[in-house]
């Protein structure tokens, strides 16, 4: 068995410690909220509950980031990023957002974004369920497909290509390319994505 190098082992210890600290923060904040509520201090209870929510959402973001696919063979990828959109006043777009850029062997960049509780999902579902919109889909450069085991929309336009996967009840997974020829790369990245695990994390 190959032993971990000291730096890798240290990083793993730090990661576990960070998760434990966040868990303790959430637990402490919820206990403080309960005590404040019981004492009639509703303002403090609200503050502590929000603090707990931020800590729990960060744990969810960490899980989502870990669930993103590794770059396929021959590809490279940037470090993933995660944002608690509700904490920065962008909850109108989604609650939690994670994003990672992948570079294909040809040099194209494919952006993968996961948005939990995205209001855009409802609009896309209405689009799919509307027969008239479905009839116009081909004319507008949009194609209804299945991806990752879920309904999805492929969209071509202005020399770009994008796929929106309507995963679960409230999770939108978007793959954006720079040119129409990126469709093959997006299909490959979709195939490498464990969409069911992503949905399970946030729903």
N, C-alpha and C. Protein backbone atom coordinates (compact mmCIF):
# COMPACT_ATOMS: atom_id res chain seq x y z
N UNK A 1 0.84 -1.20 0.00
CA UNK A 1 0.00 0.00 0.00
C UNK A 1 0.88 1.24 0.00
N UNK A 2 0.54 2.21 -0.84
CA UNK A 2 1.32 3.44 -0.93
C UNK A 2 0.97 4.35 0.22
N UNK A 3 2.00 4.80 0.97
CA UNK A 3 1.75 5.67 2.12
C UNK A 3 1.63 7.11 1.68
N UNK A 4 0.78 7.87 2.35
CA UNK A 4 0.62 9.28 2.04
C UNK A 4 1.88 10.04 2.40
N UNK A 5 2.20 11.02 1.58
CA UNK A 5 3.33 11.89 1.92
C UNK A 5 2.92 12.77 3.08
N UNK A 6 3.90 13.33 3.76
CA UNK A 6 3.59 14.16 4.94
C UNK A 6 2.71 15.34 4.57
N UNK A 7 3.00 16.10 3.46
CA UNK A 7 2.13 17.24 3.13
C UNK A 7 0.69 16.82 2.88
N UNK A 8 0.48 15.70 2.15
CA UNK A 8 -0.88 15.24 1.88
C UNK A 8 -1.57 14.84 3.18
N UNK A 9 -0.87 14.15 4.04
CA UNK A 9 -1.45 13.74 5.32
C UNK A 9 -1.85 14.96 6.14
N UNK A 10 -1.00 15.98 6.13
CA UNK A 10 -1.30 17.21 6.87
C UNK A 10 -2.54 17.88 6.31
N UNK A 11 -2.65 17.92 4.97
CA UNK A 11 -3.82 18.54 4.34
C UNK A 11 -5.10 17.80 4.72
N UNK A 12 -5.03 16.47 4.77
CA UNK A 12 -6.21 15.70 5.14
C UNK A 12 -6.62 15.99 6.58
N UNK A 13 -5.64 16.10 7.47
CA UNK A 13 -5.94 16.41 8.87
C UNK A 13 -6.58 17.78 8.98
N UNK A 14 -6.04 18.75 8.22
CA UNK A 14 -6.59 20.11 8.26
C UNK A 14 -8.01 20.14 7.71
N UNK A 15 -8.27 19.35 6.66
CA UNK A 15 -9.61 19.31 6.08
C UNK A 15 -10.61 18.75 7.07
N UNK A 16 -10.24 17.66 7.73
CA UNK A 16 -11.12 17.06 8.74
C UNK A 16 -11.36 18.04 9.88
N UNK A 17 -10.29 18.73 10.30
CA UNK A 17 -10.42 19.70 11.40
C UNK A 17 -11.33 20.84 11.00
N UNK A 18 -11.24 21.29 9.74
CA UNK A 18 -12.08 22.39 9.27
C UNK A 18 -13.54 21.99 9.28
N UNK A 19 -13.84 20.76 8.81
CA UNK A 19 -15.23 20.28 8.81
C UNK A 19 -15.75 20.16 10.24
N UNK A 20 -14.90 19.67 11.14
CA UNK A 20 -15.31 19.53 12.54
C UNK A 20 -15.59 20.89 13.14
N UNK A 21 -14.76 21.89 12.78
CA UNK A 21 -14.95 23.23 13.32
C UNK A 21 -16.27 23.82 12.84
N UNK A 22 -16.58 23.60 11.55
CA UNK A 22 -17.85 24.10 11.02
C UNK A 22 -19.02 23.41 11.70
N UNK A 23 -18.88 22.10 11.91
CA UNK A 23 -19.93 21.38 12.59
C UNK A 23 -20.14 21.89 14.00
N UNK A 24 -19.03 22.18 14.71
CA UNK A 24 -19.13 22.72 16.06
C UNK A 24 -19.77 24.10 16.04
N UNK A 25 -19.42 24.91 15.03
CA UNK A 25 -20.00 26.25 14.91
C UNK A 25 -21.51 26.16 14.76
N UNK A 26 -21.97 25.26 13.90
CA UNK A 26 -23.41 25.09 13.68
C UNK A 26 -24.09 24.62 14.96
N UNK A 27 -23.48 23.64 15.62
CA UNK A 27 -24.07 23.10 16.86
C UNK A 27 -24.14 24.16 17.94
N UNK A 28 -23.05 24.90 18.12
CA UNK A 28 -23.02 25.95 19.14
C UNK A 28 -24.04 27.04 18.84
N UNK A 29 -24.14 27.41 17.55
CA UNK A 29 -25.07 28.47 17.18
C UNK A 29 -26.51 28.04 17.39
N UNK A 30 -26.83 26.79 17.07
CA UNK A 30 -28.20 26.30 17.26
C UNK A 30 -28.54 26.21 18.75
N UNK A 31 -27.56 25.83 19.56
CA UNK A 31 -27.80 25.79 21.01
C UNK A 31 -28.04 27.18 21.55
N UNK A 32 -27.22 28.14 21.06
CA UNK A 32 -27.38 29.53 21.51
C UNK A 32 -28.73 30.08 21.05
N UNK A 33 -29.16 29.71 19.84
CA UNK A 33 -30.45 30.17 19.33
C UNK A 33 -31.59 29.63 20.18
N UNK A 34 -31.47 28.36 20.57
CA UNK A 34 -32.51 27.75 21.40
C UNK A 34 -32.60 28.44 22.76
N UNK A 35 -31.43 28.74 23.33
CA UNK A 35 -31.41 29.40 24.63
C UNK A 35 -31.99 30.81 24.53
N UNK A 36 -31.61 31.52 23.46
CA UNK A 36 -32.10 32.89 23.28
C UNK A 36 -33.61 32.89 23.05
N UNK A 37 -34.08 31.95 22.28
CA UNK A 37 -35.52 31.86 22.00
C UNK A 37 -36.28 31.56 23.29
N UNK A 38 -35.74 30.63 24.06
CA UNK A 38 -36.39 30.29 25.33
C UNK A 38 -36.44 31.46 26.29
N UNK A 39 -35.45 32.35 26.17
CA UNK A 39 -35.42 33.52 27.04
C UNK A 39 -36.14 34.72 26.47
N UNK A 40 -36.75 34.56 25.32
CA UNK A 40 -37.51 35.64 24.72
C UNK A 40 -36.68 36.62 23.92
N UNK A 41 -35.38 36.34 23.72
CA UNK A 41 -34.52 37.23 22.94
C UNK A 41 -34.55 36.77 21.49
N UNK A 42 -35.58 37.16 20.77
CA UNK A 42 -35.80 36.67 19.41
C UNK A 42 -34.78 37.22 18.41
N UNK A 43 -34.31 38.42 18.65
CA UNK A 43 -33.30 38.99 17.77
C UNK A 43 -32.02 38.15 17.82
N UNK A 44 -31.59 37.81 19.01
CA UNK A 44 -30.38 37.00 19.16
C UNK A 44 -30.62 35.59 18.61
N UNK A 45 -31.83 35.07 18.82
CA UNK A 45 -32.15 33.75 18.28
C UNK A 45 -32.03 33.75 16.76
N UNK A 46 -32.54 34.82 16.13
CA UNK A 46 -32.45 34.94 14.68
C UNK A 46 -31.00 35.03 14.22
N UNK A 47 -30.20 35.81 14.93
CA UNK A 47 -28.78 35.97 14.58
C UNK A 47 -28.04 34.63 14.65
N UNK A 48 -28.30 33.89 15.71
CA UNK A 48 -27.62 32.62 15.89
C UNK A 48 -28.07 31.57 14.87
N UNK A 49 -29.36 31.60 14.52
CA UNK A 49 -29.87 30.67 13.52
C UNK A 49 -29.23 30.95 12.15
N UNK A 50 -29.07 32.23 11.83
CA UNK A 50 -28.42 32.59 10.56
C UNK A 50 -26.96 32.15 10.56
N UNK A 51 -26.31 32.28 11.70
CA UNK A 51 -24.92 31.83 11.83
C UNK A 51 -24.83 30.32 11.61
N UNK A 52 -25.78 29.60 12.18
CA UNK A 52 -25.80 28.14 12.01
C UNK A 52 -26.05 27.77 10.56
N UNK A 53 -26.96 28.51 9.90
CA UNK A 53 -27.28 28.23 8.51
C UNK A 53 -26.06 28.42 7.61
N UNK A 54 -25.29 29.48 7.87
CA UNK A 54 -24.08 29.73 7.08
C UNK A 54 -23.10 28.57 7.22
N UNK A 55 -22.93 28.07 8.45
CA UNK A 55 -22.00 26.97 8.69
C UNK A 55 -22.46 25.69 8.01
N UNK A 56 -23.77 25.41 8.10
CA UNK A 56 -24.30 24.19 7.47
C UNK A 56 -24.20 24.29 5.95
N UNK A 57 -24.50 25.47 5.40
CA UNK A 57 -24.41 25.65 3.95
C UNK A 57 -22.98 25.47 3.46
N UNK A 58 -22.00 25.87 4.27
CA UNK A 58 -20.61 25.69 3.87
C UNK A 58 -20.27 24.20 3.81
N UNK A 59 -20.81 23.43 4.73
CA UNK A 59 -20.60 21.99 4.69
C UNK A 59 -21.22 21.38 3.43
N UNK A 60 -22.40 21.87 3.05
CA UNK A 60 -23.04 21.40 1.82
C UNK A 60 -22.22 21.78 0.60
N UNK A 61 -21.68 23.01 0.60
CA UNK A 61 -20.84 23.44 -0.52
C UNK A 61 -19.61 22.54 -0.66
N UNK A 62 -19.01 22.19 0.47
CA UNK A 62 -17.84 21.31 0.44
C UNK A 62 -18.21 19.96 -0.17
N UNK A 63 -19.40 19.45 0.17
CA UNK A 63 -19.83 18.16 -0.39
C UNK A 63 -20.10 18.28 -1.89
N UNK A 64 -20.71 19.39 -2.30
CA UNK A 64 -20.98 19.59 -3.72
C UNK A 64 -19.68 19.68 -4.52
N UNK A 65 -18.71 20.41 -4.00
CA UNK A 65 -17.43 20.54 -4.67
C UNK A 65 -16.76 19.18 -4.83
N UNK A 66 -16.85 18.37 -3.77
CA UNK A 66 -16.25 17.03 -3.82
C UNK A 66 -16.95 16.14 -4.84
N UNK A 67 -18.23 16.44 -5.13
CA UNK A 67 -19.01 15.61 -6.06
C UNK A 67 -18.80 16.01 -7.53
N UNK A 68 -18.14 17.15 -7.77
CA UNK A 68 -17.90 17.56 -9.16
C UNK A 68 -16.96 16.56 -9.83
N UNK A 69 -17.13 16.34 -11.12
CA UNK A 69 -16.29 15.34 -11.80
C UNK A 69 -14.84 15.78 -11.92
N UNK A 70 -13.94 14.81 -11.87
CA UNK A 70 -12.54 15.08 -12.19
C UNK A 70 -12.45 15.34 -13.69
N UNK A 71 -11.45 16.07 -14.13
CA UNK A 71 -11.31 16.30 -15.58
C UNK A 71 -11.09 14.97 -16.30
N UNK A 72 -11.81 14.74 -17.41
CA UNK A 72 -11.58 13.53 -18.19
C UNK A 72 -10.13 13.44 -18.67
N UNK A 73 -9.74 12.27 -19.10
CA UNK A 73 -8.37 12.07 -19.57
C UNK A 73 -8.00 13.06 -20.66
N UNK A 74 -6.86 13.73 -20.48
CA UNK A 74 -6.41 14.71 -21.45
C UNK A 74 -6.91 16.12 -21.18
N UNK A 75 -7.81 16.27 -20.22
CA UNK A 75 -8.35 17.58 -19.86
C UNK A 75 -7.57 18.12 -18.64
N UNK A 76 -7.76 19.41 -18.39
CA UNK A 76 -7.31 20.02 -17.14
C UNK A 76 -8.49 20.78 -16.53
N UNK A 77 -8.36 21.19 -15.28
CA UNK A 77 -9.46 21.90 -14.63
C UNK A 77 -8.92 22.87 -13.59
N UNK A 78 -9.65 23.97 -13.43
CA UNK A 78 -9.32 24.95 -12.39
C UNK A 78 -9.85 24.43 -11.05
N UNK A 79 -9.40 25.07 -9.97
CA UNK A 79 -9.94 24.72 -8.66
C UNK A 79 -11.41 25.14 -8.60
N UNK A 80 -12.28 24.28 -8.09
CA UNK A 80 -13.70 24.64 -8.00
C UNK A 80 -13.95 25.72 -6.96
N UNK A 81 -15.03 26.45 -7.14
CA UNK A 81 -15.42 27.50 -6.21
C UNK A 81 -16.86 27.29 -5.76
N UNK A 82 -17.15 27.68 -4.54
CA UNK A 82 -18.50 27.56 -4.03
C UNK A 82 -18.95 28.83 -3.35
N UNK A 83 -20.23 29.18 -3.54
CA UNK A 83 -20.78 30.42 -2.96
C UNK A 83 -22.12 30.12 -2.30
N UNK A 84 -22.29 30.64 -1.10
CA UNK A 84 -23.59 30.62 -0.44
C UNK A 84 -24.32 31.87 -0.91
N UNK A 85 -25.06 31.74 -2.00
CA UNK A 85 -25.69 32.90 -2.63
C UNK A 85 -26.67 33.61 -1.70
N UNK A 86 -27.35 32.85 -0.87
CA UNK A 86 -28.32 33.45 0.04
C UNK A 86 -27.65 34.35 1.07
N UNK A 87 -26.39 34.04 1.40
CA UNK A 87 -25.68 34.82 2.41
C UNK A 87 -25.16 36.15 1.86
N UNK A 88 -25.08 36.27 0.52
CA UNK A 88 -24.58 37.52 -0.07
C UNK A 88 -25.70 38.27 -0.78
N UNK A 89 -26.94 37.90 -0.49
CA UNK A 89 -28.08 38.62 -1.06
C UNK A 89 -28.41 38.25 -2.48
N UNK A 90 -27.92 37.10 -2.96
CA UNK A 90 -28.20 36.68 -4.33
C UNK A 90 -29.10 35.45 -4.35
N UNK A 91 -29.92 35.31 -3.33
CA UNK A 91 -30.79 34.15 -3.22
C UNK A 91 -31.83 34.07 -4.32
N UNK A 92 -32.02 35.18 -5.07
CA UNK A 92 -32.97 35.17 -6.18
C UNK A 92 -32.47 34.26 -7.30
N UNK A 93 -31.14 34.00 -7.33
CA UNK A 93 -30.56 33.15 -8.37
C UNK A 93 -30.50 31.69 -7.92
N UNK A 94 -30.09 31.48 -6.70
CA UNK A 94 -29.98 30.13 -6.14
C UNK A 94 -29.60 30.25 -4.68
N UNK A 95 -29.66 29.12 -3.96
CA UNK A 95 -29.23 29.11 -2.56
C UNK A 95 -27.73 28.85 -2.48
N UNK A 96 -27.31 27.77 -3.13
CA UNK A 96 -25.89 27.40 -3.14
C UNK A 96 -25.44 27.26 -4.59
N UNK A 97 -24.24 27.74 -4.87
CA UNK A 97 -23.71 27.67 -6.24
C UNK A 97 -22.26 27.18 -6.20
N UNK A 98 -21.96 26.16 -6.99
CA UNK A 98 -20.56 25.74 -7.14
C UNK A 98 -20.22 25.79 -8.63
N UNK A 99 -18.97 26.09 -8.93
CA UNK A 99 -18.57 26.27 -10.32
C UNK A 99 -17.14 25.77 -10.52
N UNK A 100 -16.90 25.18 -11.69
CA UNK A 100 -15.56 24.75 -12.04
C UNK A 100 -15.35 24.86 -13.55
N UNK A 101 -14.21 25.38 -13.95
CA UNK A 101 -13.86 25.50 -15.36
C UNK A 101 -12.96 24.35 -15.77
N UNK A 102 -13.30 23.72 -16.88
CA UNK A 102 -12.52 22.62 -17.44
C UNK A 102 -11.97 23.04 -18.80
N UNK A 103 -10.76 22.62 -19.10
CA UNK A 103 -10.15 22.92 -20.40
C UNK A 103 -9.99 21.63 -21.18
N UNK A 104 -10.54 21.59 -22.38
CA UNK A 104 -10.53 20.40 -23.21
C UNK A 104 -9.18 20.26 -23.91
N UNK A 105 -8.91 19.09 -24.49
CA UNK A 105 -7.65 18.90 -25.22
C UNK A 105 -7.45 19.90 -26.36
N UNK A 106 -8.57 20.43 -26.90
CA UNK A 106 -8.46 21.40 -28.00
C UNK A 106 -8.27 22.83 -27.52
N UNK A 107 -8.34 23.01 -26.19
CA UNK A 107 -8.15 24.34 -25.62
C UNK A 107 -9.43 25.08 -25.29
N UNK A 108 -10.58 24.50 -25.58
CA UNK A 108 -11.85 25.14 -25.24
C UNK A 108 -12.10 25.06 -23.73
N UNK A 109 -12.82 26.03 -23.22
CA UNK A 109 -13.16 26.04 -21.80
C UNK A 109 -14.63 25.68 -21.63
N UNK A 110 -14.90 24.71 -20.79
CA UNK A 110 -16.27 24.31 -20.46
C UNK A 110 -16.52 24.67 -19.00
N UNK A 111 -17.53 25.48 -18.79
CA UNK A 111 -17.87 25.90 -17.43
C UNK A 111 -19.01 25.03 -16.90
N UNK A 112 -18.79 24.42 -15.74
CA UNK A 112 -19.81 23.59 -15.09
C UNK A 112 -20.29 24.32 -13.84
N UNK A 113 -21.60 24.56 -13.78
CA UNK A 113 -22.19 25.26 -12.63
C UNK A 113 -23.34 24.44 -12.05
N UNK A 114 -23.34 24.29 -10.74
CA UNK A 114 -24.44 23.64 -10.04
C UNK A 114 -25.13 24.70 -9.18
N UNK A 115 -26.42 24.89 -9.40
CA UNK A 115 -27.19 25.87 -8.64
C UNK A 115 -28.31 25.15 -7.90
N UNK A 116 -28.26 25.17 -6.58
CA UNK A 116 -29.28 24.51 -5.77
C UNK A 116 -30.42 25.48 -5.48
N UNK A 117 -31.64 24.99 -5.58
CA UNK A 117 -32.85 25.80 -5.34
C UNK A 117 -32.88 27.00 -6.27
N UNK A 118 -32.60 26.77 -7.55
CA UNK A 118 -32.59 27.86 -8.52
C UNK A 118 -33.99 28.13 -9.05
N UNK A 119 -34.48 29.39 -8.97
CA UNK A 119 -35.80 29.73 -9.53
C UNK A 119 -35.84 29.51 -11.04
N UNK A 120 -34.68 29.51 -11.70
CA UNK A 120 -34.64 29.29 -13.14
C UNK A 120 -35.16 27.90 -13.52
N UNK A 121 -35.05 26.97 -12.57
CA UNK A 121 -35.46 25.60 -12.84
C UNK A 121 -36.95 25.53 -13.14
N UNK A 122 -37.75 26.27 -12.38
CA UNK A 122 -39.20 26.26 -12.58
C UNK A 122 -39.55 26.80 -13.97
N UNK A 123 -38.86 27.85 -14.39
CA UNK A 123 -39.11 28.44 -15.70
C UNK A 123 -38.76 27.45 -16.81
N UNK A 124 -37.67 26.74 -16.66
CA UNK A 124 -37.27 25.76 -17.67
C UNK A 124 -38.23 24.58 -17.72
N UNK A 125 -38.75 24.18 -16.56
CA UNK A 125 -39.72 23.08 -16.54
C UNK A 125 -41.02 23.51 -17.24
N UNK A 126 -41.44 24.76 -17.05
CA UNK A 126 -42.63 25.26 -17.73
C UNK A 126 -42.41 25.26 -19.24
N UNK A 127 -41.19 25.59 -19.63
CA UNK A 127 -40.83 25.60 -21.04
C UNK A 127 -40.98 24.19 -21.62
N UNK A 128 -40.50 23.20 -20.90
CA UNK A 128 -40.55 21.82 -21.37
C UNK A 128 -41.99 21.29 -21.45
N UNK A 129 -42.83 21.75 -20.53
CA UNK A 129 -44.20 21.23 -20.45
C UNK A 129 -45.16 21.96 -21.39
N UNK A 130 -44.71 23.03 -22.04
CA UNK A 130 -45.57 23.81 -22.92
C UNK A 130 -45.44 23.28 -24.34
N UNK A 131 -46.49 22.68 -24.89
CA UNK A 131 -46.41 22.10 -26.24
C UNK A 131 -46.01 23.11 -27.30
N UNK A 132 -46.52 24.34 -27.19
CA UNK A 132 -46.19 25.35 -28.18
C UNK A 132 -44.71 25.69 -28.14
N UNK A 133 -44.16 25.82 -26.93
CA UNK A 133 -42.74 26.12 -26.80
C UNK A 133 -41.91 24.95 -27.31
N UNK A 134 -42.39 23.74 -27.04
CA UNK A 134 -41.66 22.56 -27.51
C UNK A 134 -41.62 22.53 -29.03
N UNK A 135 -42.74 22.97 -29.67
CA UNK A 135 -42.81 22.99 -31.13
C UNK A 135 -41.83 24.00 -31.71
N UNK A 136 -41.65 25.11 -30.99
CA UNK A 136 -40.76 26.16 -31.47
C UNK A 136 -39.31 25.91 -31.09
N UNK A 137 -39.08 24.90 -30.26
CA UNK A 137 -37.74 24.68 -29.72
C UNK A 137 -36.70 24.53 -30.81
N UNK A 138 -36.99 23.68 -31.79
CA UNK A 138 -36.01 23.45 -32.86
C UNK A 138 -35.70 24.72 -33.63
N UNK A 139 -36.70 25.57 -33.81
CA UNK A 139 -36.50 26.80 -34.56
C UNK A 139 -35.66 27.82 -33.78
N UNK A 140 -35.70 27.72 -32.46
CA UNK A 140 -34.98 28.69 -31.63
C UNK A 140 -33.60 28.20 -31.24
N UNK A 141 -33.19 27.06 -31.80
CA UNK A 141 -31.86 26.54 -31.49
C UNK A 141 -31.82 25.77 -30.18
N UNK A 142 -32.99 25.35 -29.70
CA UNK A 142 -33.07 24.60 -28.44
C UNK A 142 -33.56 23.19 -28.71
N UNK A 143 -32.93 22.22 -28.06
CA UNK A 143 -33.29 20.82 -28.25
C UNK A 143 -33.53 20.17 -26.90
N UNK A 144 -34.66 19.48 -26.76
CA UNK A 144 -34.96 18.77 -25.53
C UNK A 144 -34.32 17.38 -25.59
N UNK A 145 -33.56 17.06 -24.56
CA UNK A 145 -32.86 15.78 -24.52
C UNK A 145 -32.92 15.21 -23.10
N UNK A 146 -32.30 14.07 -22.91
CA UNK A 146 -32.12 13.50 -21.57
C UNK A 146 -30.63 13.44 -21.29
N UNK A 147 -30.24 13.87 -20.13
CA UNK A 147 -28.82 13.85 -19.75
C UNK A 147 -28.71 13.52 -18.27
N UNK A 148 -27.80 12.65 -17.95
CA UNK A 148 -27.57 12.31 -16.54
C UNK A 148 -28.80 11.69 -15.90
N UNK A 149 -29.71 11.17 -16.71
CA UNK A 149 -30.92 10.58 -16.18
C UNK A 149 -32.03 11.58 -15.91
N UNK A 150 -31.86 12.83 -16.36
CA UNK A 150 -32.85 13.88 -16.12
C UNK A 150 -33.19 14.60 -17.43
N UNK A 151 -34.30 15.33 -17.42
CA UNK A 151 -34.64 16.18 -18.56
C UNK A 151 -33.57 17.26 -18.71
N UNK A 152 -33.30 17.62 -19.95
CA UNK A 152 -32.28 18.65 -20.19
C UNK A 152 -32.61 19.43 -21.45
N UNK A 153 -32.01 20.60 -21.56
CA UNK A 153 -32.17 21.46 -22.73
C UNK A 153 -30.80 21.80 -23.30
N UNK A 154 -30.61 21.51 -24.58
CA UNK A 154 -29.42 21.96 -25.28
C UNK A 154 -29.77 23.23 -26.04
N UNK A 155 -28.89 24.20 -25.98
CA UNK A 155 -29.18 25.46 -26.65
C UNK A 155 -27.98 25.92 -27.47
N UNK A 156 -28.24 26.20 -28.75
CA UNK A 156 -27.22 26.70 -29.64
C UNK A 156 -27.56 28.16 -29.96
N UNK A 157 -26.57 29.01 -30.04
CA UNK A 157 -26.85 30.39 -30.41
C UNK A 157 -25.62 31.26 -30.28
N UNK A 158 -25.46 32.19 -31.24
CA UNK A 158 -24.34 33.13 -31.23
C UNK A 158 -23.00 32.40 -31.16
N UNK A 159 -22.93 31.23 -31.81
CA UNK A 159 -21.67 30.51 -31.83
C UNK A 159 -21.32 29.81 -30.53
N UNK A 160 -22.27 29.73 -29.59
CA UNK A 160 -22.01 29.08 -28.30
C UNK A 160 -22.89 27.85 -28.16
N UNK A 161 -22.59 27.05 -27.16
CA UNK A 161 -23.39 25.86 -26.88
C UNK A 161 -23.54 25.72 -25.38
N UNK A 162 -24.77 25.40 -24.94
CA UNK A 162 -25.02 25.27 -23.50
C UNK A 162 -26.00 24.13 -23.27
N UNK A 163 -25.81 23.42 -22.16
CA UNK A 163 -26.77 22.40 -21.76
C UNK A 163 -27.20 22.66 -20.32
N UNK A 164 -28.51 22.67 -20.10
CA UNK A 164 -29.07 22.82 -18.76
C UNK A 164 -29.75 21.52 -18.37
N UNK A 165 -29.26 20.90 -17.31
CA UNK A 165 -29.84 19.65 -16.81
C UNK A 165 -30.77 19.98 -15.65
N UNK A 166 -32.04 19.62 -15.79
CA UNK A 166 -33.04 19.89 -14.76
C UNK A 166 -33.05 18.71 -13.80
N UNK A 167 -32.11 18.72 -12.88
CA UNK A 167 -31.89 17.57 -12.01
C UNK A 167 -32.75 17.64 -10.75
N UNK A 168 -33.40 16.55 -10.42
CA UNK A 168 -34.20 16.52 -9.19
C UNK A 168 -35.33 17.53 -9.23
N UNK A 169 -35.69 18.01 -8.05
CA UNK A 169 -36.79 18.97 -7.95
C UNK A 169 -36.32 20.42 -7.93
N UNK A 170 -35.06 20.65 -7.57
CA UNK A 170 -34.63 22.04 -7.41
C UNK A 170 -33.15 22.27 -7.69
N UNK A 171 -32.56 21.41 -8.52
CA UNK A 171 -31.14 21.53 -8.82
C UNK A 171 -30.92 21.73 -10.31
N UNK A 172 -30.22 22.79 -10.67
CA UNK A 172 -29.93 23.09 -12.07
C UNK A 172 -28.43 22.92 -12.30
N UNK A 173 -28.07 22.03 -13.23
CA UNK A 173 -26.67 21.79 -13.57
C UNK A 173 -26.45 22.29 -14.99
N UNK A 174 -25.58 23.27 -15.13
CA UNK A 174 -25.38 23.92 -16.43
C UNK A 174 -23.96 23.72 -16.94
N UNK A 175 -23.85 23.34 -18.20
CA UNK A 175 -22.56 23.19 -18.88
C UNK A 175 -22.52 24.22 -20.00
N UNK A 176 -21.54 25.12 -19.98
CA UNK A 176 -21.47 26.16 -20.99
C UNK A 176 -20.16 26.06 -21.77
N UNK A 177 -20.27 26.04 -23.09
CA UNK A 177 -19.11 26.00 -23.96
C UNK A 177 -18.90 27.34 -24.65
N UNK A 178 -17.82 27.45 -25.40
CA UNK A 178 -17.49 28.68 -26.09
C UNK A 178 -17.88 28.66 -27.56
N UNK A 179 -18.14 27.48 -28.07
CA UNK A 179 -18.48 27.35 -29.49
C UNK A 179 -19.34 26.11 -29.69
N UNK A 180 -20.06 26.06 -30.82
CA UNK A 180 -21.00 24.96 -31.05
C UNK A 180 -20.29 23.61 -31.10
N UNK A 181 -19.04 23.60 -31.55
CA UNK A 181 -18.30 22.35 -31.63
C UNK A 181 -17.96 21.78 -30.25
N UNK A 182 -18.23 22.56 -29.18
CA UNK A 182 -17.97 22.07 -27.82
C UNK A 182 -19.02 21.07 -27.37
N UNK A 183 -20.03 20.83 -28.19
CA UNK A 183 -21.10 19.90 -27.80
C UNK A 183 -20.53 18.53 -27.44
N UNK A 184 -19.56 18.05 -28.21
CA UNK A 184 -18.99 16.73 -27.93
C UNK A 184 -18.29 16.70 -26.57
N UNK A 185 -17.64 17.82 -26.21
CA UNK A 185 -16.95 17.88 -24.93
C UNK A 185 -17.94 17.98 -23.77
N UNK A 186 -19.02 18.73 -24.00
CA UNK A 186 -20.03 18.84 -22.95
C UNK A 186 -20.69 17.48 -22.72
N UNK A 187 -20.96 16.77 -23.79
CA UNK A 187 -21.53 15.42 -23.64
C UNK A 187 -20.59 14.52 -22.82
N UNK A 188 -19.29 14.67 -23.05
CA UNK A 188 -18.31 13.85 -22.32
C UNK A 188 -18.29 14.24 -20.84
N UNK A 189 -18.40 15.54 -20.55
CA UNK A 189 -18.37 15.98 -19.16
C UNK A 189 -19.66 15.60 -18.44
N UNK A 190 -20.78 15.64 -19.17
CA UNK A 190 -22.05 15.19 -18.58
C UNK A 190 -21.94 13.72 -18.20
N UNK A 191 -21.35 12.93 -19.08
CA UNK A 191 -21.21 11.50 -18.81
C UNK A 191 -20.33 11.23 -17.60
N UNK A 192 -19.41 12.16 -17.31
CA UNK A 192 -18.50 11.99 -16.17
C UNK A 192 -19.10 12.51 -14.87
N UNK A 193 -20.26 13.17 -14.94
CA UNK A 193 -20.88 13.79 -13.77
C UNK A 193 -21.86 12.84 -13.09
N UNK A 194 -21.72 12.71 -11.77
CA UNK A 194 -22.66 11.90 -10.99
C UNK A 194 -23.78 12.82 -10.52
N UNK A 195 -24.73 13.07 -11.42
CA UNK A 195 -25.80 14.02 -11.12
C UNK A 195 -26.66 13.56 -9.95
N UNK A 196 -26.88 12.26 -9.83
CA UNK A 196 -27.74 11.75 -8.76
C UNK A 196 -27.14 12.07 -7.39
N UNK A 197 -25.83 11.96 -7.27
CA UNK A 197 -25.18 12.28 -5.99
C UNK A 197 -25.30 13.77 -5.69
N UNK A 198 -25.14 14.60 -6.70
CA UNK A 198 -25.28 16.05 -6.52
C UNK A 198 -26.68 16.39 -6.01
N UNK A 199 -27.68 15.77 -6.62
CA UNK A 199 -29.07 16.01 -6.20
C UNK A 199 -29.27 15.54 -4.75
N UNK A 200 -28.73 14.38 -4.44
CA UNK A 200 -28.90 13.82 -3.09
C UNK A 200 -28.32 14.73 -2.02
N UNK A 201 -27.26 15.45 -2.35
CA UNK A 201 -26.62 16.34 -1.37
C UNK A 201 -27.52 17.50 -0.97
N UNK A 202 -28.24 18.06 -1.94
CA UNK A 202 -28.99 19.30 -1.67
C UNK A 202 -30.50 19.12 -1.61
N UNK A 203 -30.98 17.91 -1.87
CA UNK A 203 -32.45 17.72 -1.82
C UNK A 203 -32.81 16.61 -0.85
